[in-house]
Amino acid sequence: MTDLLRIGLPMMVGGAAVGGAIGIGIAVKAAMEAIGRQPEASSKIQMAMVIGCAFIEALTLYTMLIVFVLEGKL
């Protein structure tokens, strides 16, 4: 069991980082397209994008926290 955790925990952090990067990339892409279509609404679109990116990044940090806690138990 501990051998599986030693292999799986770093993979979990890597998966969370890749997933977070993809999610942020999609969010920024959509925001840039929206700003291109409606430049007058850029401040509202940008604020929504920043909040969404913060939530995505928070999920990645929570995954890192869980991994550090579980590694401490090994």
Protein backbone atom coordinates (compact mmCIF):
# COMPACT_ATOMS: atom_id res chain seq x y z
CA MET A 1 0.00 0.00 0.00
CA THR A 2 2.73 2.48 0.91
CA ASP A 3 4.60 1.66 -2.32
CA LEU A 4 1.52 2.56 -4.33
CA LEU A 5 1.19 5.83 -2.44
CA ARG A 6 4.85 6.68 -3.03
CA ILE A 7 4.26 6.30 -6.78
CA GLY A 8 0.74 7.70 -6.92
CA LEU A 9 1.17 10.87 -4.87
CA PRO A 10 3.63 12.62 -7.22
CA MET A 11 1.48 11.55 -10.14
CA MET A 12 -1.51 13.13 -8.43
CA VAL A 13 0.31 16.47 -8.12
CA GLY A 14 1.38 16.28 -11.76
CA GLY A 15 -2.15 15.49 -12.87
CA ALA A 16 -3.54 18.38 -10.86
CA ALA A 17 -0.95 20.75 -12.32
CA VAL A 18 -1.69 19.66 -15.88
CA GLY A 19 -5.44 19.84 -15.30
CA GLY A 20 -5.15 23.28 -13.74
CA ALA A 21 -3.00 24.54 -16.61
CA ILE A 22 -5.47 23.27 -19.18
CA GLY A 23 -8.39 24.81 -17.28
CA ILE A 24 -6.69 28.19 -16.97
CA GLY A 25 -5.71 28.09 -20.65
CA ILE A 26 -9.30 27.43 -21.70
CA ALA A 27 -10.60 30.18 -19.40
CA VAL A 28 -8.13 32.76 -20.73
CA LYS A 29 -8.83 31.75 -24.33
CA ALA A 30 -12.56 32.18 -23.84
CA ALA A 31 -12.08 35.52 -22.09
CA MET A 32 -9.87 36.85 -24.88
CA GLU A 33 -12.43 35.80 -27.48
CA ALA A 34 -15.20 37.47 -25.48
CA ILE A 35 -13.19 40.68 -25.11
CA GLY A 36 -12.52 40.62 -28.85
CA ARG A 37 -16.26 40.44 -29.53
CA GLN A 38 -17.29 43.00 -26.90
CA PRO A 39 -14.41 45.30 -25.99
CA GLU A 40 -16.67 47.57 -23.94
CA ALA A 41 -17.32 44.74 -21.47
CA SER A 42 -13.65 43.91 -21.01
CA SER A 43 -13.47 44.92 -17.34
CA LYS A 44 -16.38 42.62 -16.38
CA ILE A 45 -15.04 39.76 -18.48
CA GLN A 46 -11.55 40.19 -17.05
CA MET A 47 -12.84 40.20 -13.46
CA ALA A 48 -14.83 37.00 -14.04
CA MET A 49 -11.80 35.37 -15.66
CA VAL A 50 -9.50 36.28 -12.76
CA ILE A 51 -11.98 34.90 -10.19
CA GLY A 52 -12.37 31.69 -12.21
CA CYS A 53 -8.62 31.28 -12.54
CA ALA A 54 -8.22 31.77 -8.79
CA PHE A 55 -10.69 28.95 -8.13
CA ILE A 56 -8.88 26.67 -10.58
CA GLU A 57 -5.54 27.45 -8.95
CA ALA A 58 -7.03 26.84 -5.50
CA LEU A 59 -8.01 23.31 -6.50
CA THR A 60 -4.43 22.64 -7.59
CA LEU A 61 -3.11 23.96 -4.28
CA TYR A 62 -5.59 21.82 -2.33
CA THR A 63 -4.28 18.78 -4.19
CA MET A 64 -0.72 19.69 -3.22
CA LEU A 65 -1.78 20.11 0.39
CA ILE A 66 -3.44 16.68 0.43
CA VAL A 67 -0.32 15.11 -1.08
CA PHE A 68 1.94 16.72 1.53
CA VAL A 69 -0.31 15.50 4.34
CA LEU A 70 -0.40 11.98 2.95
CA GLU A 71 3.39 11.93 2.42
CA GLY A 72 3.81 12.90 6.06
CA LYS A 73 1.83 9.79 7.01
CA LEU A 74 4.19 7.47 5.10
